[in-house]
């Protein structure tokens, strides 16, 4: 039986703006590793065969110097660029005053010409954990249905402020609804084991037809040309409710780590240190 190859698509186009320049990404590992190093390590161990980075053209040199070049020594890497004018539908031009690209749905759409295998999607600056990548990979090679890795809300919160999460309604292992909440903490009223999305998805390449149609529809209903975005949950909502395609939720109890606030850094570094001492990241 032939091996089914899989691709990991990494959304990194927002990194420069979020961190104030790639050179300011703070290492979380003792040898200068950033969070993305651990994600790629976990993805390779799970069985992913190649990586596609979605970046902005203007951060390419900094990205390759800070992260990309060392990852390319371990696994085949491709780059695609999410720009304001990337893949705009026919007859659409960039609105005056628009500064940022068109969101996560647009970002993944930008990779359509280089992704020809089942693929997973992650954010570049979130730590997802080994179990998450294993479950994502195993689903991609065993099912043609889309999927989402679902985290427990309590495992994705920070003690240093609020976070934005997609609250998920799940029935019999399938996603029924996802609702974005922008200011969640431990007092938000949701149960600690509520399933949330951390933008870790799995799709077959056929999803690109849905994305292209959805992106065109996004512009037909655009009300705020300067700020409105085409998000991945919009793609998922269309697949579930319009195309009647079931989307599996792969539940994980991994703890998410990220540096949303400055005070998040020490606990992230400590968690990585403990995992490394425990042998989870031998060879990095």
Protein backbone atom coordinates (compact mmCIF):
# COMPACT_ATOMS: atom_id res chain seq x y z
CA UNK A 1 0.00 0.00 0.00
CA UNK A 2 1.43 3.37 -1.01
CA UNK A 3 2.14 5.86 1.75
CA UNK A 4 -0.21 8.85 1.80
CA UNK A 5 1.87 12.01 1.99
CA UNK A 6 0.72 14.91 4.15
CA UNK A 7 1.58 18.60 4.27
CA UNK A 8 1.64 20.99 7.22
CA UNK A 9 0.52 24.53 6.30
CA UNK A 10 1.79 27.15 8.74
CA UNK A 11 0.08 30.54 8.88
CA UNK A 12 2.86 33.02 9.61
CA UNK A 13 1.90 36.10 7.61
CA UNK A 14 0.97 38.02 10.77
CA UNK A 15 4.12 37.29 12.70
CA UNK A 16 5.98 40.48 11.88
CA UNK A 17 3.14 42.76 12.97
CA UNK A 18 2.24 40.76 16.09
CA UNK A 19 5.77 40.59 17.43
CA UNK A 20 6.97 43.99 16.22
CA UNK A 21 9.49 42.39 13.89
CA UNK A 22 10.68 38.80 13.61
CA UNK A 23 14.00 39.54 15.25
CA UNK A 24 12.07 40.23 18.46
CA UNK A 25 10.67 36.69 18.73
CA UNK A 26 11.79 35.55 22.15
CA UNK A 27 13.26 32.02 22.40
CA UNK A 28 11.42 29.57 24.63
CA UNK A 29 14.03 26.78 24.46
CA UNK A 30 17.47 26.66 26.03
CA UNK A 31 19.19 26.59 22.64
CA UNK A 32 17.28 29.51 21.16
CA UNK A 33 14.31 27.54 19.85
CA UNK A 34 11.03 29.37 19.27
CA UNK A 35 7.59 27.76 19.58
CA UNK A 36 7.48 26.91 15.87
CA UNK A 37 10.60 24.72 16.20
CA UNK A 38 8.68 22.46 18.57
CA UNK A 39 5.62 22.35 16.32
CA UNK A 40 7.70 21.24 13.34
CA UNK A 41 9.49 18.64 15.49
CA UNK A 42 6.15 17.23 16.69
CA UNK A 43 4.72 17.31 13.15
CA UNK A 44 7.68 15.42 11.67
CA UNK A 45 7.53 12.81 14.43
CA UNK A 46 3.79 12.37 13.74
CA UNK A 47 4.54 11.68 10.06
CA UNK A 48 4.09 14.95 8.15
CA UNK A 49 6.22 15.00 4.99
CA UNK A 50 6.58 18.66 4.06
CA UNK A 51 5.86 22.18 5.29
CA UNK A 52 4.38 25.23 3.57
CA UNK A 53 4.94 28.59 5.24
CA UNK A 54 2.45 31.37 4.45
CA UNK A 55 4.22 34.67 5.01
CA UNK A 56 4.22 38.26 3.82
CA UNK A 57 6.81 38.89 1.12
CA UNK A 58 8.38 41.72 3.12
CA UNK A 59 9.28 39.45 6.07
CA UNK A 60 10.78 36.67 3.94
CA UNK A 61 14.45 37.41 4.65
CA UNK A 62 13.89 37.85 8.40
CA UNK A 63 11.69 34.75 8.58
CA UNK A 64 14.23 32.54 6.84
CA UNK A 65 17.04 33.85 9.04
CA UNK A 66 15.07 33.48 12.29
CA UNK A 67 13.32 30.17 11.63
CA UNK A 68 12.89 28.96 8.06
CA UNK A 69 16.45 28.05 7.11
CA UNK A 70 17.02 25.70 10.02
CA UNK A 71 13.66 24.00 9.48
CA UNK A 72 14.48 23.51 5.79
CA UNK A 73 17.49 21.41 6.88
CA UNK A 74 15.11 18.87 8.41
CA UNK A 75 12.05 18.73 6.13
CA UNK A 76 11.13 19.99 2.60
CA UNK A 77 9.85 23.58 2.85
CA UNK A 78 7.89 25.79 0.45
CA UNK A 79 6.88 29.44 0.78
CA UNK A 80 3.76 31.23 -0.40
CA UNK A 81 2.93 34.87 0.11
CA UNK A 82 -0.25 36.37 1.50
CA UNK A 83 -0.46 39.88 0.10
CA UNK A 84 -3.37 42.30 -0.11
CA UNK A 85 -3.82 41.55 -3.81
CA UNK A 86 -3.24 37.78 -3.64
CA UNK A 87 -5.89 35.73 -5.50
CA UNK A 88 -8.51 38.48 -5.54
CA UNK A 89 -11.65 37.40 -7.43
CA UNK A 90 -12.15 38.74 -10.93
CA UNK A 91 -13.31 42.36 -10.92
CA UNK A 92 -12.17 43.00 -7.33
CA UNK A 93 -9.40 45.46 -6.45
CA UNK A 94 -7.81 46.37 -3.13
CA UNK A 95 -10.09 48.91 -1.38
CA UNK A 96 -8.60 52.27 -0.49
CA UNK A 97 -7.38 52.32 3.12
CA UNK A 98 -6.98 48.53 3.42
CA UNK A 99 -3.73 47.74 5.27
CA UNK A 100 -3.82 44.03 6.22
CA UNK A 101 -4.51 40.85 4.22
CA UNK A 102 -7.88 39.19 4.23
CA UNK A 103 -7.73 36.74 7.15
CA UNK A 104 -7.02 33.07 7.79
CA UNK A 105 -9.30 31.73 5.05
CA UNK A 106 -7.48 33.93 2.54
CA UNK A 107 -4.11 32.84 3.96
CA UNK A 108 -4.79 29.15 3.36
CA UNK A 109 -6.25 29.89 -0.07
CA UNK A 110 -2.91 31.45 -1.02
CA UNK A 111 -1.31 27.99 -0.73
CA UNK A 112 -3.64 26.29 -3.23
CA UNK A 113 -1.04 25.99 -5.99
CA UNK A 114 1.55 24.22 -3.82
CA UNK A 115 -0.64 21.91 -1.70
CA UNK A 116 -1.60 18.66 -3.45
CA UNK A 117 -1.89 16.29 -0.49
CA UNK A 118 -4.13 16.08 2.58
CA UNK A 119 -2.96 18.93 4.80
CA UNK A 120 -3.03 20.25 8.33
CA UNK A 121 -3.13 23.92 9.30
CA UNK A 122 -1.61 25.61 12.35
CA UNK A 123 -0.74 29.07 13.61
CA UNK A 124 3.00 29.72 13.68
CA UNK A 125 3.03 31.08 17.23
CA UNK A 126 0.95 28.50 19.13
CA UNK A 127 2.30 25.39 20.88
CA UNK A 128 -0.09 22.49 20.21
CA UNK A 129 1.68 19.43 21.65
CA UNK A 130 2.70 16.06 20.22
CA UNK A 131 -0.68 14.33 20.70
CA UNK A 132 -2.43 17.01 18.64
CA UNK A 133 -0.14 16.50 15.64
CA UNK A 134 -0.39 12.72 15.86
CA UNK A 135 -4.17 12.77 15.88
CA UNK A 136 -4.27 15.28 13.02
CA UNK A 137 -1.86 13.27 10.87
CA UNK A 138 -3.57 9.94 11.54
CA UNK A 139 -6.94 11.37 10.55
CA UNK A 140 -5.56 12.87 7.33
CA UNK A 141 -4.22 9.52 6.14
CA UNK A 142 -7.31 7.54 7.12
CA UNK A 143 -10.26 9.78 6.18
CA UNK A 144 -11.22 12.16 3.38
CA UNK A 145 -13.42 14.17 5.74
CA UNK A 146 -12.18 17.48 7.18
CA UNK A 147 -11.27 17.68 10.84
CA UNK A 148 -10.38 20.01 13.68
CA UNK A 149 -8.26 19.31 16.74
CA UNK A 150 -10.38 20.33 19.72
CA UNK A 151 -8.74 21.58 22.91
CA UNK A 152 -10.24 21.83 26.38
CA UNK A 153 -10.89 25.48 27.20
CA UNK A 154 -9.13 25.24 30.57
CA UNK A 155 -5.96 24.05 28.80
CA UNK A 156 -5.84 27.12 26.55
CA UNK A 157 -6.19 29.97 29.04
CA UNK A 158 -3.51 32.27 30.42
CA UNK A 159 -3.34 33.69 33.94
CA UNK A 160 -2.29 37.06 32.54
CA UNK A 161 -5.38 38.29 30.70
CA UNK A 162 -8.15 37.24 28.33
CA UNK A 163 -7.86 35.24 25.10
CA UNK A 164 -9.87 34.83 21.90
CA UNK A 165 -11.15 31.32 21.21
CA UNK A 166 -13.70 29.59 19.01
CA UNK A 167 -16.25 27.89 21.30
CA UNK A 168 -17.39 24.66 19.64
CA UNK A 169 -20.66 22.76 19.76
CA UNK A 170 -19.82 19.09 19.24
CA UNK A 171 -22.26 16.20 18.82
CA UNK A 172 -21.13 12.57 18.48
CA UNK A 173 -17.64 13.67 17.56
CA UNK A 174 -18.73 16.07 14.82
CA UNK A 175 -18.56 19.86 14.79
CA UNK A 176 -22.00 21.46 14.63
CA UNK A 177 -21.22 25.12 15.32
CA UNK A 178 -18.28 27.35 16.15
CA UNK A 179 -18.68 30.79 17.74
CA UNK A 180 -15.83 33.23 18.20
CA UNK A 181 -15.40 34.78 21.66
CA UNK A 182 -12.79 37.52 21.98
CA UNK A 183 -12.33 37.92 25.74
CA UNK A 184 -12.34 34.59 27.56
CA UNK A 185 -10.89 33.83 30.99
CA UNK A 186 -11.68 31.45 33.85
CA UNK A 187 -14.68 33.58 34.86
CA UNK A 188 -16.38 33.63 31.45
CA UNK A 189 -19.07 31.12 32.42
CA UNK A 190 -17.99 28.23 30.19
CA UNK A 191 -17.19 24.80 31.63
CA UNK A 192 -13.44 24.03 31.82
CA UNK A 193 -13.88 21.05 29.46
CA UNK A 194 -15.66 23.09 26.76
CA UNK A 195 -14.12 22.24 23.38
CA UNK A 196 -12.43 25.17 21.67
CA UNK A 197 -10.70 25.67 18.34
CA UNK A 198 -7.07 26.76 18.23
CA UNK A 199 -6.97 27.01 14.42
CA UNK A 200 -5.65 23.47 13.99
CA UNK A 201 -7.51 22.02 11.02
CA UNK A 202 -7.21 19.20 8.51
CA UNK A 203 -8.50 19.20 4.93
CA UNK A 204 -8.22 17.45 1.59
CA UNK A 205 -7.05 19.63 -1.34
CA UNK A 206 -10.65 19.60 -2.65
CA UNK A 207 -11.44 22.22 0.01
CA UNK A 208 -9.86 24.86 -2.23
CA UNK A 209 -12.92 24.92 -4.48
CA UNK A 210 -15.05 25.79 -1.44
CA UNK A 211 -12.53 28.43 -0.36
CA UNK A 212 -12.42 30.12 -3.77
CA UNK A 213 -16.20 30.29 -3.96
CA UNK A 214 -16.42 31.52 -0.37
CA UNK A 215 -13.79 34.22 -0.92
CA UNK A 216 -15.71 35.54 -3.94
CA UNK A 217 -18.91 35.53 -1.88
CA UNK A 218 -17.08 37.37 0.92
CA UNK A 219 -16.49 40.30 -1.43
CA UNK A 220 -20.07 40.30 -2.65
CA UNK A 221 -21.19 40.93 0.95
CA UNK A 222 -18.28 43.09 2.12
CA UNK A 223 -19.52 45.82 4.50
CA UNK A 224 -16.27 47.04 6.07
CA UNK A 225 -13.60 47.09 3.32
CA UNK A 226 -10.87 48.37 5.65
CA UNK A 227 -11.12 45.68 8.35
CA UNK A 228 -13.43 42.76 7.53
CA UNK A 229 -11.69 39.36 7.15
CA UNK A 230 -12.40 35.98 5.57
CA UNK A 231 -11.82 33.50 8.39
CA UNK A 232 -11.38 29.72 8.33
CA UNK A 233 -14.49 29.17 10.52
CA UNK A 234 -16.51 30.73 7.66
CA UNK A 235 -15.14 28.05 5.33
CA UNK A 236 -15.97 25.37 7.88
CA UNK A 237 -19.48 26.74 8.46
CA UNK A 238 -20.18 26.56 4.73
CA UNK A 239 -18.90 22.97 4.51
CA UNK A 240 -21.00 21.82 7.47
CA UNK A 241 -24.26 23.61 6.75
CA UNK A 242 -24.34 24.14 2.98
CA UNK A 243 -22.35 21.22 1.61
CA UNK A 244 -23.43 18.84 4.41
CA UNK A 245 -19.87 17.56 4.85
CA UNK A 246 -19.23 16.10 8.32
CA UNK A 247 -16.23 17.58 10.16
CA UNK A 248 -14.62 15.40 12.80
CA UNK A 249 -13.45 16.88 16.11
CA UNK A 250 -10.27 15.21 17.35
CA UNK A 251 -10.23 15.84 21.09
CA UNK A 252 -6.88 16.33 22.77
CA UNK A 253 -5.94 17.01 26.38
CA UNK A 254 -2.69 18.70 25.38
CA UNK A 255 -2.01 22.03 27.05
CA UNK A 256 -1.68 24.99 24.71
CA UNK A 257 1.15 27.44 25.20
CA UNK A 258 1.60 30.85 23.63
CA UNK A 259 3.04 34.23 24.45
CA UNK A 260 -0.05 36.41 24.31
CA UNK A 261 1.26 38.64 27.10
CA UNK A 262 4.78 39.44 28.27
CA UNK A 263 4.17 37.61 31.56
CA UNK A 264 3.32 34.42 29.63
CA UNK A 265 6.96 33.89 28.66
CA UNK A 266 8.44 32.47 31.92
CA UNK A 267 5.78 29.73 32.37
CA UNK A 268 6.13 28.74 28.69
CA UNK A 269 9.90 28.51 29.04
CA UNK A 270 9.51 26.45 32.22
CA UNK A 271 7.03 24.05 30.59
CA UNK A 272 9.33 23.55 27.59
CA UNK A 273 12.28 22.95 29.94
CA UNK A 274 10.36 20.23 31.81
CA UNK A 275 9.25 18.53 28.59
CA UNK A 276 12.81 18.62 27.29
CA UNK A 277 14.19 17.17 30.53
CA UNK A 278 11.55 14.45 30.31
CA UNK A 279 12.92 13.40 26.91
CA UNK A 280 10.07 14.69 24.75
CA UNK A 281 12.38 16.82 22.61
CA UNK A 282 15.53 14.73 22.49
CA UNK A 283 17.65 15.60 19.49
CA UNK A 284 16.46 19.18 19.07
